[in-house]
N, C-alpha and C. Protein backbone atom coordinates (compact mmCIF):
# COMPACT_ATOMS: atom_id res chain seq x y z
N MET A 1 49.85 -49.17 201.88
CA MET A 1 49.54 -50.15 202.90
C MET A 1 50.67 -50.21 203.91
N LEU A 2 50.32 -50.46 205.17
CA LEU A 2 51.32 -50.58 206.23
C LEU A 2 52.14 -51.84 206.04
N ASP A 3 53.40 -51.77 206.43
CA ASP A 3 54.32 -52.90 206.35
C ASP A 3 53.76 -54.08 207.14
N GLU A 4 53.78 -55.27 206.53
CA GLU A 4 53.25 -56.47 207.20
C GLU A 4 54.00 -56.79 208.49
N LYS A 5 55.31 -56.58 208.51
CA LYS A 5 56.10 -56.83 209.71
C LYS A 5 55.69 -55.87 210.82
N LEU A 6 55.40 -54.61 210.48
CA LEU A 6 54.92 -53.64 211.47
C LEU A 6 53.60 -54.10 212.06
N ILE A 7 52.69 -54.58 211.25
CA ILE A 7 51.41 -55.07 211.74
C ILE A 7 51.63 -56.26 212.66
N GLU A 8 52.57 -57.14 212.32
CA GLU A 8 52.89 -58.27 213.18
C GLU A 8 53.42 -57.79 214.54
N VAL A 9 54.27 -56.77 214.52
CA VAL A 9 54.80 -56.20 215.76
C VAL A 9 53.67 -55.66 216.63
N ILE A 10 52.72 -55.00 216.03
CA ILE A 10 51.59 -54.42 216.77
C ILE A 10 50.69 -55.50 217.35
N LYS A 11 50.42 -56.54 216.61
CA LYS A 11 49.40 -57.52 216.99
C LYS A 11 49.90 -58.70 217.81
N THR A 12 51.21 -58.94 217.87
CA THR A 12 51.74 -60.12 218.56
C THR A 12 51.91 -59.86 220.05
N PRO A 13 51.32 -60.75 220.90
CA PRO A 13 51.57 -60.63 222.35
C PRO A 13 53.02 -60.98 222.67
N PRO A 14 53.56 -60.59 223.79
CA PRO A 14 52.89 -59.83 224.85
C PRO A 14 52.80 -58.34 224.47
N ASP A 15 52.00 -57.65 225.24
CA ASP A 15 51.82 -56.21 225.02
C ASP A 15 53.14 -55.48 225.30
N SER A 16 53.38 -54.43 224.53
CA SER A 16 54.57 -53.60 224.71
C SER A 16 54.15 -52.14 224.69
N ALA A 17 54.98 -51.31 225.30
CA ALA A 17 54.74 -49.87 225.23
C ALA A 17 55.27 -49.35 223.90
N PHE A 18 54.66 -48.29 223.39
CA PHE A 18 55.22 -47.59 222.24
C PHE A 18 55.20 -46.10 222.53
N ALA A 19 56.07 -45.36 221.84
CA ALA A 19 56.23 -43.93 222.11
C ALA A 19 55.68 -43.11 220.94
N ILE A 20 55.08 -41.97 221.31
CA ILE A 20 54.57 -41.00 220.35
C ILE A 20 55.33 -39.70 220.61
N VAL A 21 55.98 -39.18 219.57
CA VAL A 21 56.79 -37.96 219.71
C VAL A 21 56.18 -36.85 218.85
N THR A 22 55.91 -35.71 219.49
CA THR A 22 55.45 -34.52 218.79
C THR A 22 56.38 -33.37 219.16
N GLN A 23 56.20 -32.24 218.48
CA GLN A 23 57.04 -31.09 218.80
C GLN A 23 56.27 -29.80 218.58
N SER A 24 56.75 -28.78 219.27
CA SER A 24 56.19 -27.44 219.13
C SER A 24 57.19 -26.44 219.70
N ASN A 25 57.38 -25.35 219.00
CA ASN A 25 58.26 -24.29 219.47
C ASN A 25 59.67 -24.80 219.83
N GLY A 26 60.17 -25.74 219.03
CA GLY A 26 61.52 -26.25 219.24
C GLY A 26 61.67 -27.23 220.38
N ASP A 27 60.57 -27.67 220.97
CA ASP A 27 60.62 -28.58 222.10
C ASP A 27 59.88 -29.87 221.75
N SER A 28 60.54 -31.01 221.96
CA SER A 28 59.91 -32.31 221.71
C SER A 28 59.15 -32.78 222.94
N HIS A 29 58.10 -33.54 222.69
CA HIS A 29 57.30 -34.12 223.77
C HIS A 29 57.07 -35.59 223.45
N VAL A 30 57.24 -36.46 224.45
CA VAL A 30 57.05 -37.89 224.26
C VAL A 30 55.97 -38.38 225.22
N VAL A 31 55.06 -39.19 224.69
CA VAL A 31 54.04 -39.84 225.51
C VAL A 31 54.02 -41.32 225.10
N ASN A 32 53.68 -42.18 226.05
CA ASN A 32 53.64 -43.61 225.78
C ASN A 32 52.21 -44.13 225.75
N SER A 33 52.04 -45.23 225.04
CA SER A 33 50.78 -45.96 225.04
C SER A 33 51.13 -47.44 224.90
N TRP A 34 50.15 -48.27 224.62
CA TRP A 34 50.35 -49.72 224.54
C TRP A 34 50.04 -50.23 223.14
N ASN A 35 50.86 -51.19 222.68
CA ASN A 35 50.63 -51.80 221.37
C ASN A 35 49.20 -52.33 221.24
N SER A 36 48.67 -52.91 222.33
CA SER A 36 47.33 -53.49 222.27
C SER A 36 46.24 -52.43 222.07
N TYR A 37 46.57 -51.17 222.24
CA TYR A 37 45.61 -50.10 222.01
C TYR A 37 45.55 -49.68 220.54
N ILE A 38 46.53 -50.09 219.75
CA ILE A 38 46.61 -49.66 218.36
C ILE A 38 45.58 -50.39 217.51
N GLU A 39 44.83 -49.62 216.76
CA GLU A 39 43.92 -50.15 215.75
C GLU A 39 44.46 -49.74 214.37
N ILE A 40 44.29 -50.62 213.40
CA ILE A 40 44.71 -50.33 212.04
C ILE A 40 43.45 -50.06 211.23
N SER A 41 43.43 -48.93 210.53
CA SER A 41 42.30 -48.59 209.67
C SER A 41 42.87 -48.16 208.32
N GLY A 42 42.88 -49.09 207.37
CA GLY A 42 43.49 -48.82 206.07
C GLY A 42 44.98 -48.59 206.24
N ASP A 43 45.45 -47.41 205.87
CA ASP A 43 46.87 -47.05 206.00
C ASP A 43 47.14 -46.23 207.25
N GLU A 44 46.17 -46.10 208.12
CA GLU A 44 46.33 -45.29 209.33
C GLU A 44 46.45 -46.15 210.58
N ILE A 45 47.25 -45.64 211.52
CA ILE A 45 47.32 -46.17 212.87
C ILE A 45 46.42 -45.29 213.72
N VAL A 46 45.51 -45.92 214.47
CA VAL A 46 44.55 -45.16 215.27
C VAL A 46 44.70 -45.60 216.73
N VAL A 47 44.81 -44.61 217.62
CA VAL A 47 45.11 -44.86 219.02
C VAL A 47 44.10 -44.11 219.90
N PRO A 48 43.62 -44.74 220.98
CA PRO A 48 42.74 -44.01 221.90
C PRO A 48 43.50 -42.94 222.66
N VAL A 49 42.83 -41.84 222.90
CA VAL A 49 43.40 -40.72 223.64
C VAL A 49 42.64 -40.57 224.94
N GLY A 50 43.38 -40.67 226.05
CA GLY A 50 42.80 -40.40 227.35
C GLY A 50 43.10 -38.96 227.72
N ARG A 51 44.37 -38.70 227.99
CA ARG A 51 44.80 -37.33 228.28
C ARG A 51 45.54 -36.79 227.05
N MET A 52 46.83 -36.99 226.97
CA MET A 52 47.64 -36.53 225.83
C MET A 52 47.38 -35.06 225.50
N LEU A 53 47.25 -34.22 226.52
CA LEU A 53 46.92 -32.81 226.30
C LEU A 53 48.05 -32.06 225.60
N LYS A 54 49.29 -32.30 226.00
CA LYS A 54 50.43 -31.64 225.35
C LYS A 54 50.57 -32.13 223.91
N THR A 55 50.36 -33.41 223.69
CA THR A 55 50.39 -33.96 222.33
C THR A 55 49.35 -33.26 221.46
N GLU A 56 48.16 -33.10 221.99
CA GLU A 56 47.08 -32.42 221.26
C GLU A 56 47.46 -30.98 220.93
N ASP A 57 47.99 -30.26 221.91
CA ASP A 57 48.42 -28.88 221.68
C ASP A 57 49.51 -28.81 220.61
N ASN A 58 50.48 -29.72 220.70
CA ASN A 58 51.57 -29.73 219.72
C ASN A 58 51.06 -29.97 218.30
N LEU A 59 50.12 -30.90 218.14
CA LEU A 59 49.61 -31.23 216.82
C LEU A 59 48.87 -30.06 216.18
N LYS A 60 48.34 -29.16 216.98
CA LYS A 60 47.67 -27.98 216.44
C LYS A 60 48.68 -27.02 215.80
N VAL A 61 49.93 -27.08 216.27
CA VAL A 61 51.00 -26.21 215.76
C VAL A 61 51.79 -26.90 214.65
N ASP A 62 52.07 -28.20 214.85
CA ASP A 62 52.91 -28.97 213.92
C ASP A 62 52.37 -30.41 213.91
N ASN A 63 51.79 -30.83 212.80
CA ASN A 63 51.13 -32.14 212.76
C ASN A 63 52.07 -33.31 212.49
N ARG A 64 53.37 -33.04 212.43
CA ARG A 64 54.33 -34.14 212.23
C ARG A 64 54.46 -34.95 213.51
N VAL A 65 54.61 -36.26 213.34
CA VAL A 65 54.70 -37.17 214.49
C VAL A 65 55.66 -38.29 214.16
N LYS A 66 56.29 -38.83 215.22
CA LYS A 66 57.11 -40.04 215.09
C LYS A 66 56.64 -41.02 216.16
N LEU A 67 56.63 -42.30 215.78
CA LEU A 67 56.29 -43.38 216.70
C LEU A 67 57.43 -44.38 216.72
N THR A 68 57.73 -44.93 217.87
CA THR A 68 58.58 -46.12 217.94
C THR A 68 57.71 -47.24 218.47
N ILE A 69 57.70 -48.35 217.74
CA ILE A 69 56.85 -49.48 218.08
C ILE A 69 57.73 -50.73 218.06
N THR A 70 57.75 -51.49 219.16
CA THR A 70 58.63 -52.64 219.26
C THR A 70 57.91 -53.87 219.78
N ASN A 71 58.55 -55.02 219.57
CA ASN A 71 58.05 -56.27 220.14
C ASN A 71 59.21 -57.26 220.21
N ARG A 72 59.47 -57.79 221.41
CA ARG A 72 60.58 -58.72 221.63
C ARG A 72 60.32 -60.10 221.05
N GLU A 73 59.08 -60.43 220.74
CA GLU A 73 58.74 -61.78 220.28
C GLU A 73 58.73 -61.93 218.76
N VAL A 74 58.76 -60.84 218.02
CA VAL A 74 58.70 -60.91 216.56
C VAL A 74 60.11 -60.95 215.99
N MET A 75 60.35 -61.86 215.06
CA MET A 75 61.67 -62.02 214.46
C MET A 75 62.08 -60.74 213.72
N GLY A 76 63.28 -60.26 214.06
CA GLY A 76 63.83 -59.09 213.41
C GLY A 76 64.68 -59.48 212.22
N GLU A 77 65.53 -58.56 211.79
CA GLU A 77 66.38 -58.82 210.62
C GLU A 77 67.44 -59.88 210.90
N ARG A 78 67.93 -59.96 212.15
CA ARG A 78 68.99 -60.90 212.48
C ARG A 78 68.65 -61.81 213.66
N TYR A 79 67.74 -61.38 214.52
CA TYR A 79 67.43 -62.13 215.73
C TYR A 79 66.03 -61.77 216.20
N LYS A 80 65.56 -62.54 217.17
CA LYS A 80 64.23 -62.31 217.71
C LYS A 80 64.16 -60.96 218.41
N GLY A 81 63.14 -60.22 218.10
CA GLY A 81 62.95 -58.86 218.62
C GLY A 81 63.16 -57.86 217.51
N THR A 82 62.18 -57.01 217.31
CA THR A 82 62.30 -56.01 216.26
C THR A 82 61.49 -54.77 216.61
N GLY A 83 61.71 -53.71 215.87
CA GLY A 83 61.00 -52.47 216.11
C GLY A 83 60.96 -51.61 214.86
N PHE A 84 60.15 -50.59 214.92
CA PHE A 84 59.96 -49.67 213.79
C PHE A 84 59.99 -48.23 214.27
N LEU A 85 60.51 -47.38 213.43
CA LEU A 85 60.37 -45.93 213.57
C LEU A 85 59.40 -45.51 212.48
N VAL A 86 58.27 -44.97 212.89
CA VAL A 86 57.23 -44.53 211.96
C VAL A 86 57.21 -43.01 211.97
N SER A 87 57.29 -42.42 210.79
CA SER A 87 57.20 -40.96 210.64
C SER A 87 55.98 -40.65 209.80
N GLY A 88 55.27 -39.60 210.19
CA GLY A 88 54.09 -39.22 209.43
C GLY A 88 53.45 -37.98 209.99
N THR A 89 52.17 -37.86 209.74
CA THR A 89 51.39 -36.75 210.25
C THR A 89 50.22 -37.31 211.06
N ALA A 90 49.68 -36.48 211.95
CA ALA A 90 48.60 -36.96 212.81
C ALA A 90 47.62 -35.85 213.13
N PHE A 91 46.44 -36.28 213.54
CA PHE A 91 45.44 -35.37 214.07
C PHE A 91 44.61 -36.12 215.09
N MET A 92 43.91 -35.37 215.94
CA MET A 92 42.98 -35.95 216.90
C MET A 92 41.56 -35.59 216.49
N THR A 93 40.66 -36.54 216.73
CA THR A 93 39.26 -36.30 216.43
C THR A 93 38.39 -36.91 217.51
N SER A 94 37.27 -36.27 217.79
CA SER A 94 36.32 -36.80 218.77
C SER A 94 34.95 -37.03 218.13
N GLU A 95 34.98 -37.28 216.81
CA GLU A 95 33.75 -37.62 216.10
C GLU A 95 34.11 -38.36 214.82
N GLY A 96 33.14 -39.04 214.26
CA GLY A 96 33.34 -39.71 212.98
C GLY A 96 33.84 -41.14 213.11
N THR A 97 34.20 -41.71 211.98
CA THR A 97 34.55 -43.13 211.86
C THR A 97 35.70 -43.54 212.76
N TYR A 98 36.79 -42.77 212.76
CA TYR A 98 37.95 -43.13 213.59
C TYR A 98 37.58 -43.12 215.07
N PHE A 99 36.87 -42.10 215.49
CA PHE A 99 36.48 -42.01 216.89
C PHE A 99 35.51 -43.14 217.27
N ASP A 100 34.57 -43.44 216.38
CA ASP A 100 33.63 -44.52 216.66
C ASP A 100 34.36 -45.86 216.83
N LEU A 101 35.36 -46.12 215.99
CA LEU A 101 36.17 -47.33 216.09
C LEU A 101 36.84 -47.42 217.46
N ILE A 102 37.45 -46.32 217.89
CA ILE A 102 38.16 -46.29 219.16
C ILE A 102 37.19 -46.37 220.34
N LYS A 103 36.15 -45.57 220.31
CA LYS A 103 35.20 -45.50 221.43
C LYS A 103 34.51 -46.84 221.68
N SER A 104 34.29 -47.62 220.62
CA SER A 104 33.63 -48.91 220.78
C SER A 104 34.51 -49.91 221.53
N LYS A 105 35.82 -49.74 221.45
CA LYS A 105 36.75 -50.66 222.11
C LYS A 105 37.34 -50.09 223.40
N PHE A 106 37.36 -48.78 223.50
CA PHE A 106 37.96 -48.11 224.66
C PHE A 106 36.99 -47.03 225.14
N PRO A 107 36.00 -47.40 225.94
CA PRO A 107 34.96 -46.45 226.35
C PRO A 107 35.49 -45.21 227.07
N TRP A 108 36.67 -45.30 227.65
CA TRP A 108 37.26 -44.18 228.37
C TRP A 108 37.88 -43.13 227.44
N ALA A 109 38.04 -43.44 226.18
CA ALA A 109 38.72 -42.53 225.24
C ALA A 109 37.91 -41.26 225.03
N ARG A 110 38.60 -40.12 225.07
CA ARG A 110 37.95 -38.83 224.79
C ARG A 110 38.15 -38.42 223.33
N ALA A 111 39.10 -39.09 222.64
CA ALA A 111 39.39 -38.79 221.24
C ALA A 111 40.16 -39.96 220.63
N ALA A 112 40.37 -39.87 219.33
CA ALA A 112 41.21 -40.83 218.61
C ALA A 112 42.37 -40.07 217.99
N LEU A 113 43.57 -40.60 218.14
CA LEU A 113 44.76 -40.07 217.47
C LEU A 113 44.90 -40.87 216.18
N VAL A 114 44.91 -40.18 215.04
CA VAL A 114 45.00 -40.83 213.74
C VAL A 114 46.33 -40.46 213.11
N VAL A 115 47.16 -41.48 212.85
CA VAL A 115 48.49 -41.27 212.31
C VAL A 115 48.54 -41.81 210.88
N SER A 116 48.87 -40.93 209.94
CA SER A 116 49.12 -41.34 208.55
C SER A 116 50.61 -41.56 208.41
N CYS A 117 50.98 -42.78 208.07
CA CYS A 117 52.40 -43.15 208.01
C CYS A 117 53.01 -42.79 206.67
N ALA A 118 54.04 -41.97 206.69
CA ALA A 118 54.77 -41.62 205.47
C ALA A 118 55.96 -42.55 205.29
N VAL A 119 56.66 -42.87 206.40
CA VAL A 119 57.83 -43.74 206.36
C VAL A 119 57.74 -44.71 207.52
N CYS A 120 57.92 -46.01 207.24
CA CYS A 120 57.98 -47.05 208.27
C CYS A 120 59.33 -47.75 208.10
N GLU A 121 60.25 -47.44 209.01
CA GLU A 121 61.60 -47.98 208.92
C GLU A 121 61.83 -49.02 210.01
N GLN A 122 62.16 -50.26 209.60
CA GLN A 122 62.48 -51.29 210.58
C GLN A 122 63.85 -50.99 211.15
N THR A 123 63.95 -50.94 212.48
CA THR A 123 65.19 -50.51 213.13
C THR A 123 65.97 -51.64 213.77
N LEU A 124 65.39 -52.81 213.91
CA LEU A 124 66.08 -53.97 214.49
C LEU A 124 65.84 -55.18 213.62
């Protein structure tokens, strides 16, 4: 199950940007999205995909992914504001349950990015 504090970071307003990091051929690629776009499905983080073409190409070569997710309003370990570094694996899909979940809320999405979290480390 995902860390309860991480879920609080994702769901608490105001909206914040989060970063998705992939790699291929020794080169890292970073793309941003919004916390309010994140859907939780069991132990997976699911995100709508508009473009993310380089991210998609990278995942075909290396499915490892890292996310940084933050929120200034959620109490951290010592003060208000906290964040997480999430490491795991990911894939994109344009059919099935994950895609249906995303498409129903984000009609513009061409796919769903599904992240299986292996490690969720609170960083603040």
